[in-house]
């Protein structure tokens, strides 16, 4: 049987793991795209998205 993690490595064992994986991916993607396009607004956008995910992961951890 195929697990979700085999189909998409961003999916973690828990919601918090998935949010952390997405946060890391967005941060790295933003850095790479901003550097290659010489546009810091790309990083600002992805960093904002990553911060929102981190916030939600923290709220999940408090439950």
PDB file of N, CA and C in Angstrom:
ATOM      1  N   UNK A   1       0.843  -1.186   0.000  1.00  0.00           N
ATOM      2  CA  UNK A   1       0.000   0.000   0.000  1.00  0.00           C
ATOM      3  C   UNK A   1       0.884   1.245   0.000  1.00  0.00           C
ATOM      4  N   UNK A   2       0.557   2.199  -0.808  1.00  0.00           N
ATOM      5  CA  UNK A   2       1.313   3.438  -0.913  1.00  0.00           C
ATOM      6  C   UNK A   2       0.868   4.403   0.181  1.00  0.00           C
ATOM      7  N   UNK A   3       1.841   4.994   0.857  1.00  0.00           N
ATOM      8  CA  UNK A   3       1.525   5.973   1.897  1.00  0.00           C
ATOM      9  C   UNK A   3       1.552   7.373   1.294  1.00  0.00           C
ATOM     10  N   UNK A   4       0.868   8.309   1.942  1.00  0.00           N
ATOM     11  CA  UNK A   4       0.910   9.697   1.447  1.00  0.00           C
ATOM     12  C   UNK A   4       2.341  10.242   1.376  1.00  0.00           C
ATOM     13  N   UNK A   5       3.184   9.838   2.322  1.00  0.00           N
ATOM     14  CA  UNK A   5       4.562  10.318   2.349  1.00  0.00           C
ATOM     15  C   UNK A   5       5.353   9.827   1.133  1.00  0.00           C
ATOM     16  N   UNK A   6       4.998   8.667   0.605  1.00  0.00           N
ATOM     17  CA  UNK A   6       5.677   8.174  -0.588  1.00  0.00           C
ATOM     18  C   UNK A   6       5.270   8.980  -1.821  1.00  0.00           C
ATOM     19  N   UNK A   7       4.041   9.440  -1.830  1.00  0.00           N
ATOM     20  CA  UNK A   7       3.554  10.227  -2.962  1.00  0.00           C
ATOM     21  C   UNK A   7       4.020  11.677  -2.896  1.00  0.00           C
ATOM     22  N   UNK A   8       4.137  12.200  -1.698  1.00  0.00           N
ATOM     23  CA  UNK A   8       4.528  13.602  -1.507  1.00  0.00           C
ATOM     24  C   UNK A   8       5.393  13.710  -0.257  1.00  0.00           C
ATOM     25  N   UNK A   9       6.686  13.909  -0.422  1.00  0.00           N
ATOM     26  CA  UNK A   9       7.581  13.950   0.735  1.00  0.00           C
ATOM     27  C   UNK A   9       7.353  15.138   1.675  1.00  0.00           C
ATOM     28  N   UNK A  10       6.535  16.101   1.257  1.00  0.00           N
ATOM     29  CA  UNK A  10       6.223  17.219   2.152  1.00  0.00           C
ATOM     30  C   UNK A  10       5.236  16.812   3.242  1.00  0.00           C
ATOM     31  N   UNK A  11       4.502  15.732   3.013  1.00  0.00           N
ATOM     32  CA  UNK A  11       3.537  15.263   4.008  1.00  0.00           C
ATOM     33  C   UNK A  11       4.286  14.545   5.117  1.00  0.00           C
ATOM     34  N   UNK A  12       4.067  15.009   6.326  1.00  0.00           N
ATOM     35  CA  UNK A  12       4.738  14.418   7.479  1.00  0.00           C
ATOM     36  C   UNK A  12       3.855  13.401   8.171  1.00  0.00           C
ATOM     37  N   UNK A  13       4.375  12.870   9.264  1.00  0.00           N
ATOM     38  CA  UNK A  13       3.609  11.900  10.056  1.00  0.00           C
ATOM     39  C   UNK A  13       2.490  12.569  10.835  1.00  0.00           C
ATOM     40  N   UNK A  14       2.666  13.862  11.127  1.00  0.00           N
ATOM     41  CA  UNK A  14       1.653  14.628  11.851  1.00  0.00           C
ATOM     42  C   UNK A  14       1.407  15.931  11.109  1.00  0.00           C
ATOM     43  N   UNK A  15       0.352  16.626  11.488  1.00  0.00           N
ATOM     44  CA  UNK A  15       0.078  17.942  10.890  1.00  0.00           C
ATOM     45  C   UNK A  15       1.240  18.895  11.142  1.00  0.00           C
ATOM     46  N   UNK A  16       1.799  18.841  12.332  1.00  0.00           N
ATOM     47  CA  UNK A  16       2.923  19.716  12.660  1.00  0.00           C
ATOM     48  C   UNK A  16       4.133  19.410  11.777  1.00  0.00           C
ATOM     49  N   UNK A  17       4.400  18.132  11.532  1.00  0.00           N
ATOM     50  CA  UNK A  17       5.505  17.761  10.647  1.00  0.00           C
ATOM     51  C   UNK A  17       5.286  18.302   9.243  1.00  0.00           C
ATOM     52  N   UNK A  18       4.067  18.179   8.748  1.00  0.00           N
ATOM     53  CA  UNK A  18       3.753  18.681   7.406  1.00  0.00           C
ATOM     54  C   UNK A  18       3.926  20.194   7.340  1.00  0.00           C
ATOM     55  N   UNK A  19       3.433  20.902   8.344  1.00  0.00           N
ATOM     56  CA  UNK A  19       3.593  22.357   8.368  1.00  0.00           C
ATOM     57  C   UNK A  19       5.067  22.746   8.430  1.00  0.00           C
ATOM     58  N   UNK A  20       5.857  22.025   9.197  1.00  0.00           N
ATOM     59  CA  UNK A  20       7.298  22.319   9.275  1.00  0.00           C
ATOM     60  C   UNK A  20       7.969  22.058   7.931  1.00  0.00           C
ATOM     61  N   UNK A  21       7.597  20.973   7.267  1.00  0.00           N
ATOM     62  CA  UNK A  21       8.158  20.677   5.941  1.00  0.00           C
ATOM     63  C   UNK A  21       7.798  21.770   4.939  1.00  0.00           C
ATOM     64  N   UNK A  22       6.557  22.222   4.967  1.00  0.00           N
ATOM     65  CA  UNK A  22       6.127  23.295   4.069  1.00  0.00           C
ATOM     66  C   UNK A  22       6.855  24.603   4.370  1.00  0.00           C
ATOM     67  N   UNK A  23       7.046  24.882   5.649  1.00  0.00           N
ATOM     68  CA  UNK A  23       7.758  26.089   6.060  1.00  0.00           C
ATOM     69  C   UNK A  23       9.181  26.086   5.521  1.00  0.00           C
ATOM     70  N   UNK A  24       9.859  24.974   5.697  1.00  0.00           N
ATOM     71  CA  UNK A  24      11.236  24.855   5.206  1.00  0.00           C
ATOM     72  C   UNK A  24      11.296  24.986   3.694  1.00  0.00           C
ATOM     73  N   UNK A  25      10.385  24.324   3.015  1.00  0.00           N
ATOM     74  CA  UNK A  25      10.351  24.373   1.555  1.00  0.00           C
ATOM     75  C   UNK A  25      10.100  25.796   1.051  1.00  0.00           C
ATOM     76  N   UNK A  26       9.119  26.477   1.635  1.00  0.00           N
ATOM     77  CA  UNK A  26       8.813  27.846   1.210  1.00  0.00           C
ATOM     78  C   UNK A  26       9.986  28.791   1.452  1.00  0.00           C
ATOM     79  N   UNK A  27      10.633  28.646   2.581  1.00  0.00           N
ATOM     80  CA  UNK A  27      11.771  29.520   2.888  1.00  0.00           C
ATOM     81  C   UNK A  27      12.893  29.333   1.871  1.00  0.00           C
ATOM     82  N   UNK A  28      13.230  28.100   1.585  1.00  0.00           N
ATOM     83  CA  UNK A  28      14.309  27.824   0.626  1.00  0.00           C
ATOM     84  C   UNK A  28      13.924  28.233  -0.787  1.00  0.00           C
ATOM     85  N   UNK A  29      12.696  27.953  -1.151  1.00  0.00           N
ATOM     86  CA  UNK A  29      12.220  28.333  -2.483  1.00  0.00           C
ATOM     87  C   UNK A  29      12.269  29.854  -2.650  1.00  0.00           C
ATOM     88  N   UNK A  30      11.817  30.574  -1.634  1.00  0.00           N
ATOM     89  CA  UNK A  30      11.837  32.032  -1.690  1.00  0.00           C
ATOM     90  C   UNK A  30      13.239  32.591  -1.824  1.00  0.00           C
ATOM     91  N   UNK A  31      14.168  32.042  -1.052  1.00  0.00           N
ATOM     92  CA  UNK A  31      15.561  32.493  -1.134  1.00  0.00           C
ATOM     93  C   UNK A  31      16.113  32.257  -2.536  1.00  0.00           C
ATOM     94  N   UNK A  32      15.870  31.075  -3.071  1.00  0.00           N
ATOM     95  CA  UNK A  32      16.396  30.720  -4.392  1.00  0.00           C
ATOM     96  C   UNK A  32      15.794  31.586  -5.495  1.00  0.00           C
ATOM     97  N   UNK A  33      14.472  31.724  -5.486  1.00  0.00           N
ATOM     98  CA  UNK A  33      13.819  32.528  -6.526  1.00  0.00           C
ATOM     99  C   UNK A  33      14.196  34.000  -6.432  1.00  0.00           C
ATOM    100  N   UNK A  34      14.263  34.522  -5.208  1.00  0.00           N
ATOM    101  CA  UNK A  34      14.629  35.929  -5.040  1.00  0.00           C
ATOM    102  C   UNK A  34      16.036  36.187  -5.561  1.00  0.00           C
ATOM    103  N   UNK A  35      16.948  35.269  -5.283  1.00  0.00           N
ATOM    104  CA  UNK A  35      18.331  35.437  -5.745  1.00  0.00           C
ATOM    105  C   UNK A  35      18.430  35.317  -7.260  1.00  0.00           C
ATOM    106  N   UNK A  36      17.733  34.352  -7.829  1.00  0.00           N
ATOM    107  CA  UNK A  36      17.863  34.149  -9.273  1.00  0.00           C
ATOM    108  C   UNK A  36      17.140  35.221 -10.084  1.00  0.00           C
ATOM    109  N   UNK A  37      16.143  35.869  -9.501  1.00  0.00           N
ATOM    110  CA  UNK A  37      15.411  36.919 -10.214  1.00  0.00           C
ATOM    111  C   UNK A  37      15.760  38.320  -9.705  1.00  0.00           C
ATOM    112  N   UNK A  38      16.673  38.401  -8.763  1.00  0.00           N
ATOM    113  CA  UNK A  38      17.076  39.681  -8.171  1.00  0.00           C
ATOM    114  C   UNK A  38      15.856  40.489  -7.723  1.00  0.00           C
ATOM    115  N   UNK A  39      14.933  39.794  -7.057  1.00  0.00           N
ATOM    116  CA  UNK A  39      13.698  40.423  -6.597  1.00  0.00           C
ATOM    117  C   UNK A  39      13.431  40.013  -5.149  1.00  0.00           C
ATOM    118  N   UNK A  40      13.791  40.869  -4.203  1.00  0.00           N
ATOM    119  CA  UNK A  40      13.613  40.511  -2.795  1.00  0.00           C
ATOM    120  C   UNK A  40      12.153  40.377  -2.372  1.00  0.00           C
ATOM    121  N   UNK A  41      11.223  40.900  -3.160  1.00  0.00           N
ATOM    122  CA  UNK A  41       9.812  40.783  -2.781  1.00  0.00           C
ATOM    123  C   UNK A  41       9.351  39.321  -2.816  1.00  0.00           C
ATOM    124  N   UNK A  42       9.986  38.509  -3.650  1.00  0.00           N
ATOM    125  CA  UNK A  42       9.646  37.086  -3.702  1.00  0.00           C
ATOM    126  C   UNK A  42       9.947  36.447  -2.347  1.00  0.00           C
ATOM    127  N   UNK A  43      11.122  36.747  -1.809  1.00  0.00           N
ATOM    128  CA  UNK A  43      11.478  36.185  -0.510  1.00  0.00           C
ATOM    129  C   UNK A  43      10.555  36.714   0.580  1.00  0.00           C
ATOM    130  N   UNK A  44      10.212  37.988   0.530  1.00  0.00           N
ATOM    131  CA  UNK A  44       9.308  38.550   1.531  1.00  0.00           C
ATOM    132  C   UNK A  44       7.977  37.804   1.530  1.00  0.00           C
ATOM    133  N   UNK A  45       7.449  37.535   0.348  1.00  0.00           N
ATOM    134  CA  UNK A  45       6.174  36.815   0.240  1.00  0.00           C
ATOM    135  C   UNK A  45       6.286  35.403   0.811  1.00  0.00           C
ATOM    136  N   UNK A  46       7.304  34.661   0.400  1.00  0.00           N
ATOM    137  CA  UNK A  46       7.421  33.282   0.876  1.00  0.00           C
ATOM    138  C   UNK A  46       7.762  33.235   2.363  1.00  0.00           C
ATOM    139  N   UNK A  47       8.532  34.197   2.842  1.00  0.00           N
ATOM    140  CA  UNK A  47       8.850  34.251   4.275  1.00  0.00           C
ATOM    141  C   UNK A  47       7.588  34.541   5.087  1.00  0.00           C
ATOM    142  N   UNK A  48       6.713  35.382   4.562  1.00  0.00           N
ATOM    143  CA  UNK A  48       5.442  35.670   5.235  1.00  0.00           C
ATOM    144  C   UNK A  48       4.564  34.423   5.292  1.00  0.00           C
ATOM    145  N   UNK A  49       4.511  33.689   4.186  1.00  0.00           N
ATOM    146  CA  UNK A  49       3.744  32.431   4.170  1.00  0.00           C
ATOM    147  C   UNK A  49       4.327  31.432   5.169  1.00  0.00           C
ATOM    148  N   UNK A  50       5.637  31.320   5.186  1.00  0.00           N
ATOM    149  CA  UNK A  50       6.292  30.394   6.108  1.00  0.00           C
ATOM    150  C   UNK A  50       6.029  30.790   7.558  1.00  0.00           C
ATOM    151  N   UNK A  51       6.041  32.082   7.843  1.00  0.00           N
ATOM    152  CA  UNK A  51       5.773  32.546   9.211  1.00  0.00           C
ATOM    153  C   UNK A  51       4.347  32.206   9.635  1.00  0.00           C
ATOM    154  N   UNK A  52       3.397  32.334   8.713  1.00  0.00           N
ATOM    155  CA  UNK A  52       2.012  31.977   9.028  1.00  0.00           C
ATOM    156  C   UNK A  52       1.897  30.484   9.324  1.00  0.00           C
ATOM    157  N   UNK A  53       2.604  29.668   8.553  1.00  0.00           N
ATOM    158  CA  UNK A  53       2.589  28.225   8.813  1.00  0.00           C
ATOM    159  C   UNK A  53       3.228  27.892  10.159  1.00  0.00           C
ATOM    160  N   UNK A  54       4.333  28.565  10.477  1.00  0.00           N
ATOM    161  CA  UNK A  54       4.976  28.341  11.786  1.00  0.00           C
ATOM    162  C   UNK A  54       4.031  28.709  12.923  1.00  0.00           C
ATOM    163  N   UNK A  55       3.322  29.807  12.764  1.00  0.00           N
ATOM    164  CA  UNK A  55       2.366  30.246  13.770  1.00  0.00           C
ATOM    165  C   UNK A  55       1.290  29.186  13.991  1.00  0.00           C
ATOM    166  N   UNK A  56       0.738  28.674  12.895  1.00  0.00           N
ATOM    167  CA  UNK A  56      -0.310  27.652  12.994  1.00  0.00           C
ATOM    168  C   UNK A  56       0.236  26.356  13.585  1.00  0.00           C
ATOM    169  N   UNK A  57       1.456  26.005  13.246  1.00  0.00           N
ATOM    170  CA  UNK A  57       2.060  24.804  13.833  1.00  0.00           C
ATOM    171  C   UNK A  57       2.199  24.964  15.339  1.00  0.00           C
ATOM    172  N   UNK A  58       2.555  26.160  15.762  1.00  0.00           N
ATOM    173  CA  UNK A  58       2.658  26.426  17.201  1.00  0.00           C
ATOM    174  C   UNK A  58       1.300  26.319  17.903  1.00  0.00           C
ATOM    175  N   UNK A  59       0.278  26.800  17.232  1.00  0.00           N
ATOM    176  CA  UNK A  59      -1.064  26.687  17.822  1.00  0.00           C
ATOM    177  C   UNK A  59      -1.524  25.239  17.902  1.00  0.00           C
ATOM    178  N   UNK A  60      -1.171  24.448  16.892  1.00  0.00           N
ATOM    179  CA  UNK A  60      -1.512  23.029  16.940  1.00  0.00           C
ATOM    180  C   UNK A  60      -0.782  22.338  18.094  1.00  0.00           C
ATOM    181  N   UNK A  61       0.455  22.758  18.315  1.00  0.00           N
ATOM    182  CA  UNK A  61       1.247  22.158  19.389  1.00  0.00           C
ATOM    183  C   UNK A  61       0.695  22.483  20.779  1.00  0.00           C
ATOM    184  N   UNK A  62      -0.074  23.535  20.896  1.00  0.00           N
ATOM    185  CA  UNK A  62      -0.622  23.930  22.184  1.00  0.00           C
ATOM    186  C   UNK A  62      -1.900  23.171  22.519  1.00  0.00           C
ATOM    187  N   UNK A  63      -2.447  22.467  21.558  1.00  0.00           N
ATOM    188  CA  UNK A  63      -3.713  21.735  21.790  1.00  0.00           C
ATOM    189  C   UNK A  63      -3.488  20.512  22.601  1.00  0.00           C
TER     190      UNK A  63
END
